[in-house]
Amino acid sequence: MTTIAVTGHMDLTEDSVPLVRAELDKILAGYEPAGLVGVSCIARGSDSLFAEAVLAVGGRLVVVVPSRDYREAKVKPDHAATFDRLRDAAQEVVVMPYATASREAYEAANAVLLERADRLVAVWDGQPPTGKGGGTADVVYEAREAGLPVDVVWPDGASRRA
């Protein structure tokens, strides 16, 4: 059994999506589907792309939701159907014990990702942390400090919305 968690940018450009998805597909192709578990918060962008890739290869999905109000408070209408579909497809849904989405809730959700993972896939442009906490760079740094292997995905041509 191999458990792979994901962290990544939410603001990928439309042209970046197929590039990132192709790289995720390559990484996941190296694992036996019956023994593959993907762990994701299924946010817009990288998290959802990874979750879709895990399901596409026949792996199992674990969803970590940062707070009880996350779906209503943070999931935008244009991502709601994807969020709901992925949550419904998950083998397990872990809802963090926070009433409202906050930095603390996001950091706790990220800690669960790292605790469950054998490795981390990071859809990351390599920029340092912003200082807000809970972002992609923060999760990469925490994983590396914990000795967790990190696969950085940032294909040529990938970019973030301005």
N, C-alpha and C. Protein backbone atom coordinates (compact mmCIF):
# COMPACT_ATOMS: atom_id res chain seq x y z
N MET A 1 0.85 -1.17 0.00
CA MET A 1 0.00 0.00 0.00
C MET A 1 0.89 1.24 0.00
N THR A 2 0.64 2.15 -0.91
CA THR A 2 1.36 3.42 -0.95
C THR A 2 0.35 4.55 -0.85
N THR A 3 0.58 5.43 0.10
CA THR A 3 -0.30 6.58 0.29
C THR A 3 0.44 7.84 -0.12
N ILE A 4 -0.13 8.54 -1.08
CA ILE A 4 0.47 9.76 -1.60
C ILE A 4 -0.48 10.92 -1.33
N ALA A 5 0.03 11.94 -0.68
CA ALA A 5 -0.75 13.15 -0.43
C ALA A 5 -0.37 14.20 -1.47
N VAL A 6 -1.23 15.20 -1.60
CA VAL A 6 -0.97 16.27 -2.55
C VAL A 6 -1.09 17.62 -1.87
N THR A 7 -0.26 18.53 -2.32
CA THR A 7 -0.39 19.94 -2.04
C THR A 7 -0.13 20.66 -3.35
N GLY A 8 -0.71 21.82 -3.53
CA GLY A 8 -0.45 22.51 -4.80
C GLY A 8 -1.26 23.77 -4.94
N HIS A 9 -0.89 24.51 -5.95
CA HIS A 9 -1.51 25.80 -6.21
C HIS A 9 -2.94 25.64 -6.72
N MET A 10 -3.79 26.53 -6.26
CA MET A 10 -5.20 26.55 -6.67
C MET A 10 -5.39 27.36 -7.94
N ASP A 11 -4.46 28.26 -8.22
CA ASP A 11 -4.64 29.26 -9.27
C ASP A 11 -3.87 28.96 -10.55
N LEU A 12 -3.89 27.70 -10.98
CA LEU A 12 -3.24 27.33 -12.24
C LEU A 12 -3.97 27.99 -13.41
N THR A 13 -3.21 28.38 -14.41
CA THR A 13 -3.85 28.92 -15.61
C THR A 13 -4.53 27.78 -16.35
N GLU A 14 -5.46 28.12 -17.21
CA GLU A 14 -6.18 27.12 -17.98
C GLU A 14 -5.22 26.29 -18.83
N ASP A 15 -4.20 26.93 -19.40
CA ASP A 15 -3.22 26.21 -20.23
C ASP A 15 -2.33 25.27 -19.41
N SER A 16 -2.20 25.54 -18.11
CA SER A 16 -1.35 24.72 -17.25
C SER A 16 -2.02 23.41 -16.84
N VAL A 17 -3.34 23.40 -16.81
CA VAL A 17 -4.07 22.23 -16.30
C VAL A 17 -3.69 20.94 -17.03
N PRO A 18 -3.72 20.89 -18.38
CA PRO A 18 -3.35 19.62 -19.03
C PRO A 18 -1.88 19.26 -18.83
N LEU A 19 -1.01 20.25 -18.70
CA LEU A 19 0.42 19.98 -18.47
C LEU A 19 0.63 19.33 -17.11
N VAL A 20 -0.02 19.89 -16.10
CA VAL A 20 0.10 19.35 -14.75
C VAL A 20 -0.54 17.96 -14.69
N ARG A 21 -1.71 17.81 -15.27
CA ARG A 21 -2.39 16.52 -15.24
C ARG A 21 -1.54 15.43 -15.89
N ALA A 22 -0.89 15.75 -17.00
CA ALA A 22 -0.03 14.77 -17.67
C ALA A 22 1.12 14.33 -16.75
N GLU A 23 1.69 15.27 -16.01
CA GLU A 23 2.79 14.94 -15.09
C GLU A 23 2.27 14.09 -13.92
N LEU A 24 1.10 14.42 -13.41
CA LEU A 24 0.51 13.62 -12.34
C LEU A 24 0.23 12.20 -12.82
N ASP A 25 -0.30 12.08 -14.04
CA ASP A 25 -0.55 10.76 -14.61
C ASP A 25 0.73 9.94 -14.70
N LYS A 26 1.84 10.58 -15.11
CA LYS A 26 3.13 9.87 -15.21
C LYS A 26 3.58 9.36 -13.84
N ILE A 27 3.47 10.20 -12.83
CA ILE A 27 3.88 9.80 -11.48
C ILE A 27 3.04 8.62 -11.00
N LEU A 28 1.74 8.72 -11.13
CA LEU A 28 0.85 7.69 -10.61
C LEU A 28 0.93 6.38 -11.39
N ALA A 29 1.36 6.45 -12.65
CA ALA A 29 1.48 5.23 -13.46
C ALA A 29 2.51 4.27 -12.88
N GLY A 30 3.40 4.76 -12.03
CA GLY A 30 4.43 3.92 -11.44
C GLY A 30 3.95 3.11 -10.23
N TYR A 31 2.68 3.21 -9.89
CA TYR A 31 2.15 2.53 -8.71
C TYR A 31 1.08 1.52 -9.10
N GLU A 32 1.01 0.46 -8.32
CA GLU A 32 -0.03 -0.54 -8.51
C GLU A 32 -1.36 0.06 -8.05
N PRO A 33 -2.35 0.17 -8.93
CA PRO A 33 -3.62 0.82 -8.56
C PRO A 33 -4.29 0.23 -7.32
N ALA A 34 -4.24 -1.08 -7.16
CA ALA A 34 -4.91 -1.72 -6.02
C ALA A 34 -4.29 -1.30 -4.69
N GLY A 35 -3.04 -0.86 -4.72
CA GLY A 35 -2.37 -0.47 -3.49
C GLY A 35 -2.15 1.02 -3.37
N LEU A 36 -2.78 1.81 -4.22
CA LEU A 36 -2.58 3.25 -4.24
C LEU A 36 -3.70 3.98 -3.52
N VAL A 37 -3.32 4.84 -2.58
CA VAL A 37 -4.27 5.71 -1.89
C VAL A 37 -3.78 7.15 -2.08
N GLY A 38 -4.66 8.00 -2.57
CA GLY A 38 -4.36 9.42 -2.71
C GLY A 38 -5.11 10.19 -1.64
N VAL A 39 -4.42 11.15 -1.01
CA VAL A 39 -5.03 11.95 0.04
C VAL A 39 -5.01 13.41 -0.42
N SER A 40 -6.19 14.03 -0.42
CA SER A 40 -6.33 15.38 -0.98
C SER A 40 -7.41 16.16 -0.25
N CYS A 41 -7.21 17.47 -0.19
CA CYS A 41 -8.26 18.37 0.33
C CYS A 41 -9.23 18.78 -0.77
N ILE A 42 -9.02 18.32 -1.98
CA ILE A 42 -9.84 18.53 -3.18
C ILE A 42 -10.23 20.00 -3.43
N ALA A 43 -9.34 20.90 -3.06
CA ALA A 43 -9.56 22.31 -3.42
C ALA A 43 -9.43 22.45 -4.93
N ARG A 44 -9.86 23.58 -5.44
CA ARG A 44 -9.73 23.89 -6.86
C ARG A 44 -8.25 23.74 -7.27
N GLY A 45 -8.04 23.41 -8.51
CA GLY A 45 -6.67 23.35 -9.04
C GLY A 45 -5.98 22.03 -8.77
N SER A 46 -4.77 22.12 -8.24
CA SER A 46 -3.89 20.96 -8.08
C SER A 46 -4.50 19.83 -7.28
N ASP A 47 -5.16 20.16 -6.16
CA ASP A 47 -5.72 19.12 -5.31
C ASP A 47 -6.75 18.28 -6.07
N SER A 48 -7.62 18.94 -6.80
CA SER A 48 -8.66 18.22 -7.55
C SER A 48 -8.07 17.47 -8.74
N LEU A 49 -7.09 18.07 -9.42
CA LEU A 49 -6.44 17.36 -10.54
C LEU A 49 -5.81 16.05 -10.06
N PHE A 50 -5.14 16.12 -8.91
CA PHE A 50 -4.51 14.94 -8.35
C PHE A 50 -5.57 13.89 -7.99
N ALA A 51 -6.65 14.32 -7.32
CA ALA A 51 -7.71 13.39 -6.93
C ALA A 51 -8.31 12.71 -8.15
N GLU A 52 -8.55 13.47 -9.21
CA GLU A 52 -9.08 12.89 -10.44
C GLU A 52 -8.11 11.89 -11.05
N ALA A 53 -6.81 12.21 -11.01
CA ALA A 53 -5.80 11.31 -11.56
C ALA A 53 -5.74 10.00 -10.77
N VAL A 54 -5.83 10.10 -9.44
CA VAL A 54 -5.82 8.90 -8.59
C VAL A 54 -7.01 8.00 -8.95
N LEU A 55 -8.18 8.59 -9.04
CA LEU A 55 -9.37 7.80 -9.38
C LEU A 55 -9.27 7.21 -10.78
N ALA A 56 -8.70 7.98 -11.72
CA ALA A 56 -8.60 7.52 -13.11
C ALA A 56 -7.72 6.27 -13.25
N VAL A 57 -6.69 6.15 -12.40
CA VAL A 57 -5.83 4.96 -12.48
C VAL A 57 -6.34 3.81 -11.62
N GLY A 58 -7.47 4.02 -10.92
CA GLY A 58 -8.04 2.96 -10.12
C GLY A 58 -7.61 2.96 -8.68
N GLY A 59 -6.96 4.04 -8.23
CA GLY A 59 -6.58 4.16 -6.83
C GLY A 59 -7.75 4.58 -5.97
N ARG A 60 -7.54 4.56 -4.66
CA ARG A 60 -8.56 4.97 -3.72
C ARG A 60 -8.26 6.39 -3.24
N LEU A 61 -9.32 7.15 -2.97
CA LEU A 61 -9.20 8.54 -2.59
C LEU A 61 -9.65 8.75 -1.15
N VAL A 62 -8.83 9.49 -0.39
CA VAL A 62 -9.20 9.96 0.93
C VAL A 62 -9.26 11.48 0.85
N VAL A 63 -10.38 12.04 1.26
CA VAL A 63 -10.58 13.49 1.22
C VAL A 63 -10.48 14.04 2.63
N VAL A 64 -9.71 15.12 2.79
CA VAL A 64 -9.60 15.82 4.07
C VAL A 64 -10.23 17.20 3.89
N VAL A 65 -11.30 17.45 4.64
CA VAL A 65 -12.02 18.72 4.56
C VAL A 65 -11.61 19.55 5.78
N PRO A 66 -11.10 20.78 5.57
CA PRO A 66 -10.55 21.57 6.68
C PRO A 66 -11.54 21.98 7.77
N SER A 67 -12.82 22.13 7.44
CA SER A 67 -13.79 22.59 8.44
C SER A 67 -15.19 22.13 8.05
N ARG A 68 -16.07 22.20 9.02
CA ARG A 68 -17.46 21.77 8.75
C ARG A 68 -18.14 22.69 7.75
N ASP A 69 -17.77 23.98 7.71
CA ASP A 69 -18.41 24.92 6.79
C ASP A 69 -17.65 25.10 5.47
N TYR A 70 -16.61 24.30 5.26
CA TYR A 70 -15.73 24.52 4.09
C TYR A 70 -16.50 24.52 2.77
N ARG A 71 -17.34 23.53 2.57
CA ARG A 71 -18.09 23.43 1.31
C ARG A 71 -18.93 24.68 1.06
N GLU A 72 -19.67 25.11 2.06
CA GLU A 72 -20.55 26.26 1.90
C GLU A 72 -19.78 27.59 1.87
N ALA A 73 -18.74 27.70 2.68
CA ALA A 73 -18.05 28.99 2.84
C ALA A 73 -16.94 29.22 1.83
N LYS A 74 -16.29 28.16 1.36
CA LYS A 74 -15.08 28.36 0.56
C LYS A 74 -15.13 27.81 -0.86
N VAL A 75 -15.99 26.84 -1.12
CA VAL A 75 -16.03 26.25 -2.46
C VAL A 75 -16.88 27.13 -3.36
N LYS A 76 -16.24 27.69 -4.39
CA LYS A 76 -16.93 28.59 -5.32
C LYS A 76 -17.89 27.79 -6.20
N PRO A 77 -18.96 28.46 -6.68
CA PRO A 77 -19.96 27.75 -7.49
C PRO A 77 -19.37 27.00 -8.69
N ASP A 78 -18.33 27.56 -9.33
CA ASP A 78 -17.77 26.89 -10.51
C ASP A 78 -16.92 25.66 -10.16
N HIS A 79 -16.65 25.42 -8.87
CA HIS A 79 -15.90 24.24 -8.45
C HIS A 79 -16.78 23.27 -7.65
N ALA A 80 -17.98 23.69 -7.31
CA ALA A 80 -18.85 22.91 -6.42
C ALA A 80 -19.15 21.51 -6.96
N ALA A 81 -19.47 21.40 -8.23
CA ALA A 81 -19.81 20.08 -8.79
C ALA A 81 -18.60 19.14 -8.73
N THR A 82 -17.41 19.65 -9.04
CA THR A 82 -16.20 18.83 -8.96
C THR A 82 -15.93 18.42 -7.52
N PHE A 83 -16.02 19.36 -6.60
CA PHE A 83 -15.82 19.07 -5.19
C PHE A 83 -16.78 17.98 -4.73
N ASP A 84 -18.04 18.13 -5.04
CA ASP A 84 -19.05 17.16 -4.62
C ASP A 84 -18.81 15.78 -5.23
N ARG A 85 -18.46 15.76 -6.51
CA ARG A 85 -18.22 14.49 -7.20
C ARG A 85 -17.02 13.76 -6.58
N LEU A 86 -15.95 14.51 -6.29
CA LEU A 86 -14.77 13.89 -5.70
C LEU A 86 -15.02 13.44 -4.26
N ARG A 87 -15.73 14.26 -3.50
CA ARG A 87 -16.07 13.88 -2.12
C ARG A 87 -16.91 12.60 -2.13
N ASP A 88 -17.86 12.53 -3.05
CA ASP A 88 -18.72 11.35 -3.13
C ASP A 88 -17.96 10.10 -3.59
N ALA A 89 -16.89 10.29 -4.37
CA ALA A 89 -16.10 9.16 -4.87
C ALA A 89 -15.07 8.68 -3.86
N ALA A 90 -14.87 9.43 -2.79
CA ALA A 90 -13.84 9.09 -1.81
C ALA A 90 -14.20 7.85 -1.01
N GLN A 91 -13.18 7.07 -0.72
CA GLN A 91 -13.34 5.91 0.15
C GLN A 91 -13.55 6.38 1.58
N GLU A 92 -12.95 7.51 1.93
CA GLU A 92 -13.05 8.06 3.29
C GLU A 92 -13.04 9.57 3.19
N VAL A 93 -13.86 10.22 4.01
CA VAL A 93 -13.87 11.68 4.11
C VAL A 93 -13.60 12.03 5.56
N VAL A 94 -12.52 12.77 5.78
CA VAL A 94 -12.14 13.22 7.12
C VAL A 94 -12.48 14.70 7.20
N VAL A 95 -13.39 15.07 8.10
CA VAL A 95 -13.73 16.47 8.31
C VAL A 95 -13.04 16.91 9.60
N MET A 96 -12.19 17.92 9.47
CA MET A 96 -11.44 18.41 10.62
C MET A 96 -12.41 19.02 11.64
N PRO A 97 -12.04 19.02 12.92
CA PRO A 97 -12.95 19.47 13.97
C PRO A 97 -13.00 21.00 14.15
N TYR A 98 -13.18 21.69 13.06
CA TYR A 98 -13.28 23.16 13.09
C TYR A 98 -14.61 23.55 12.49
N ALA A 99 -15.31 24.47 13.15
CA ALA A 99 -16.60 24.93 12.65
C ALA A 99 -16.43 25.75 11.39
N THR A 100 -15.39 26.59 11.37
CA THR A 100 -15.19 27.49 10.23
C THR A 100 -13.80 27.35 9.64
N ALA A 101 -13.71 27.60 8.35
CA ALA A 101 -12.44 27.55 7.64
C ALA A 101 -11.55 28.69 8.14
N SER A 102 -10.32 28.35 8.47
CA SER A 102 -9.37 29.33 8.99
C SER A 102 -7.96 28.82 8.74
N ARG A 103 -6.99 29.66 9.00
CA ARG A 103 -5.59 29.23 8.84
C ARG A 103 -5.33 28.01 9.72
N GLU A 104 -5.83 28.03 10.94
CA GLU A 104 -5.65 26.90 11.85
C GLU A 104 -6.25 25.62 11.26
N ALA A 105 -7.44 25.73 10.67
CA ALA A 105 -8.09 24.56 10.07
C ALA A 105 -7.28 24.04 8.89
N TYR A 106 -6.78 24.95 8.04
CA TYR A 106 -5.97 24.53 6.89
C TYR A 106 -4.68 23.85 7.34
N GLU A 107 -4.04 24.43 8.35
CA GLU A 107 -2.79 23.83 8.83
C GLU A 107 -3.04 22.45 9.45
N ALA A 108 -4.16 22.30 10.14
CA ALA A 108 -4.51 20.99 10.71
C ALA A 108 -4.79 19.98 9.61
N ALA A 109 -5.49 20.40 8.56
CA ALA A 109 -5.76 19.51 7.43
C ALA A 109 -4.45 19.10 6.75
N ASN A 110 -3.54 20.05 6.58
CA ASN A 110 -2.25 19.73 5.99
C ASN A 110 -1.46 18.76 6.86
N ALA A 111 -1.56 18.90 8.17
CA ALA A 111 -0.87 17.97 9.08
C ALA A 111 -1.41 16.55 8.89
N VAL A 112 -2.71 16.41 8.70
CA VAL A 112 -3.30 15.08 8.46
C VAL A 112 -2.78 14.51 7.15
N LEU A 113 -2.70 15.35 6.12
CA LEU A 113 -2.15 14.88 4.84
C LEU A 113 -0.77 14.28 5.05
N LEU A 114 0.09 15.02 5.75
CA LEU A 114 1.47 14.58 5.93
C LEU A 114 1.57 13.36 6.85
N GLU A 115 0.72 13.28 7.87
CA GLU A 115 0.73 12.13 8.77
C GLU A 115 0.36 10.85 8.05
N ARG A 116 -0.54 10.93 7.11
CA ARG A 116 -1.03 9.73 6.42
C ARG A 116 -0.14 9.31 5.25
N ALA A 117 0.70 10.21 4.78
CA ALA A 117 1.41 9.99 3.51
C ALA A 117 2.73 9.25 3.65
N ASP A 118 3.00 8.44 2.62
CA ASP A 118 4.32 7.84 2.44
C ASP A 118 5.19 8.78 1.62
N ARG A 119 4.53 9.63 0.83
CA ARG A 119 5.24 10.64 0.03
C ARG A 119 4.25 11.74 -0.30
N LEU A 120 4.80 12.88 -0.76
CA LEU A 120 3.99 14.04 -1.09
C LEU A 120 4.25 14.43 -2.54
N VAL A 121 3.18 14.70 -3.26
CA VAL A 121 3.28 15.30 -4.59
C VAL A 121 2.93 16.77 -4.41
N ALA A 122 3.82 17.64 -4.86
CA ALA A 122 3.62 19.08 -4.72
C ALA A 122 3.59 19.74 -6.08
N VAL A 123 2.43 20.27 -6.45
CA VAL A 123 2.32 21.06 -7.68
C VAL A 123 2.70 22.48 -7.26
N TRP A 124 3.97 22.78 -7.45
CA TRP A 124 4.58 23.95 -6.80
C TRP A 124 5.55 24.64 -7.74
N ASP A 125 5.41 25.95 -7.81
CA ASP A 125 6.28 26.75 -8.67
C ASP A 125 7.64 27.06 -8.04
N GLY A 126 7.88 26.58 -6.84
CA GLY A 126 9.18 26.75 -6.19
C GLY A 126 9.33 28.04 -5.40
N GLN A 127 8.31 28.87 -5.39
CA GLN A 127 8.39 30.13 -4.65
C GLN A 127 8.34 29.86 -3.15
N PRO A 128 9.03 30.69 -2.34
CA PRO A 128 9.04 30.47 -0.89
C PRO A 128 7.68 30.76 -0.26
N PRO A 129 7.52 30.36 1.00
CA PRO A 129 6.26 30.63 1.70
C PRO A 129 5.93 32.12 1.74
N THR A 130 4.65 32.42 1.77
CA THR A 130 4.19 33.81 1.80
C THR A 130 4.15 34.37 3.21
N GLY A 131 4.24 33.51 4.20
CA GLY A 131 4.15 33.96 5.58
C GLY A 131 2.74 33.85 6.14
N LYS A 132 1.78 33.47 5.31
CA LYS A 132 0.40 33.32 5.77
C LYS A 132 0.17 31.97 6.45
N GLY A 133 1.01 30.99 6.17
CA GLY A 133 0.84 29.66 6.75
C GLY A 133 -0.16 28.83 5.97
N GLY A 134 0.10 27.54 5.90
CA GLY A 134 -0.84 26.62 5.28
C GLY A 134 -0.76 26.55 3.77
N GLY A 135 0.16 27.28 3.15
CA GLY A 135 0.27 27.27 1.70
C GLY A 135 1.12 26.13 1.18
N THR A 136 1.21 26.04 -0.13
CA THR A 136 1.94 24.95 -0.78
C THR A 136 3.39 24.88 -0.32
N ALA A 137 4.09 26.00 -0.33
CA ALA A 137 5.50 26.00 0.07
C ALA A 137 5.65 25.57 1.53
N ASP A 138 4.73 26.01 2.38
CA ASP A 138 4.79 25.61 3.79
C ASP A 138 4.69 24.09 3.93
N VAL A 139 3.77 23.49 3.19
CA VAL A 139 3.57 22.05 3.27
C VAL A 139 4.80 21.31 2.74
N VAL A 140 5.39 21.80 1.66
CA VAL A 140 6.61 21.18 1.13
C VAL A 140 7.72 21.24 2.17
N TYR A 141 7.91 22.39 2.78
CA TYR A 141 8.97 22.54 3.79
C TYR A 141 8.72 21.61 4.97
N GLU A 142 7.46 21.52 5.43
CA GLU A 142 7.13 20.64 6.55
C GLU A 142 7.39 19.18 6.19
N ALA A 143 7.03 18.78 4.98
CA ALA A 143 7.26 17.40 4.55
C ALA A 143 8.75 17.10 4.52
N ARG A 144 9.52 18.00 3.97
CA ARG A 144 10.97 17.77 3.89
C ARG A 144 11.59 17.71 5.28
N GLU A 145 11.14 18.57 6.19
CA GLU A 145 11.65 18.55 7.57
C GLU A 145 11.33 17.22 8.24
N ALA A 146 10.19 16.63 7.90
CA ALA A 146 9.77 15.35 8.48
C ALA A 146 10.43 14.16 7.78
N GLY A 147 11.21 14.41 6.73
CA GLY A 147 11.86 13.33 6.00
C GLY A 147 10.96 12.62 5.00
N LEU A 148 9.83 13.24 4.68
CA LEU A 148 8.89 12.65 3.72
C LEU A 148 9.38 12.96 2.30
N PRO A 149 9.46 11.95 1.43
CA PRO A 149 9.87 12.22 0.05
C PRO A 149 8.84 13.14 -0.64
N VAL A 150 9.36 14.10 -1.41
CA VAL A 150 8.51 15.06 -2.11
C VAL A 150 8.82 15.02 -3.60
N ASP A 151 7.77 14.82 -4.40
CA ASP A 151 7.88 14.91 -5.85
C ASP A 151 7.30 16.25 -6.27
N VAL A 152 8.16 17.15 -6.76
CA VAL A 152 7.68 18.45 -7.21
C VAL A 152 7.27 18.36 -8.67
N VAL A 153 6.05 18.84 -8.94
CA VAL A 153 5.52 18.87 -10.29
C VAL A 153 5.36 20.33 -10.69
N TRP A 154 6.13 20.75 -11.68
CA TRP A 154 5.96 22.08 -12.26
C TRP A 154 6.51 22.01 -13.68
N PRO A 155 5.70 21.49 -14.61
CA PRO A 155 6.18 21.26 -15.97
C PRO A 155 6.49 22.56 -16.71
N ASP A 156 7.36 22.46 -17.70
CA ASP A 156 7.64 23.62 -18.56
C ASP A 156 6.33 24.13 -19.12
N GLY A 157 6.15 25.44 -19.05
CA GLY A 157 4.94 26.06 -19.57
C GLY A 157 3.86 26.27 -18.53
N ALA A 158 4.03 25.68 -17.33
CA ALA A 158 3.04 25.86 -16.28
C ALA A 158 3.15 27.27 -15.72
N SER A 159 2.00 27.83 -15.33
CA SER A 159 1.99 29.15 -14.71
C SER A 159 0.74 29.31 -13.87
N ARG A 160 0.78 30.36 -13.06
CA ARG A 160 -0.35 30.68 -12.19
C ARG A 160 -1.02 31.94 -12.69
N ARG A 161 -2.33 32.06 -12.42
CA ARG A 161 -3.05 33.27 -12.81
C ARG A 161 -2.50 34.45 -12.04
N ALA A 162 -2.44 35.56 -12.71
CA ALA A 162 -1.91 36.78 -12.07
C ALA A 162 -2.92 37.39 -11.14
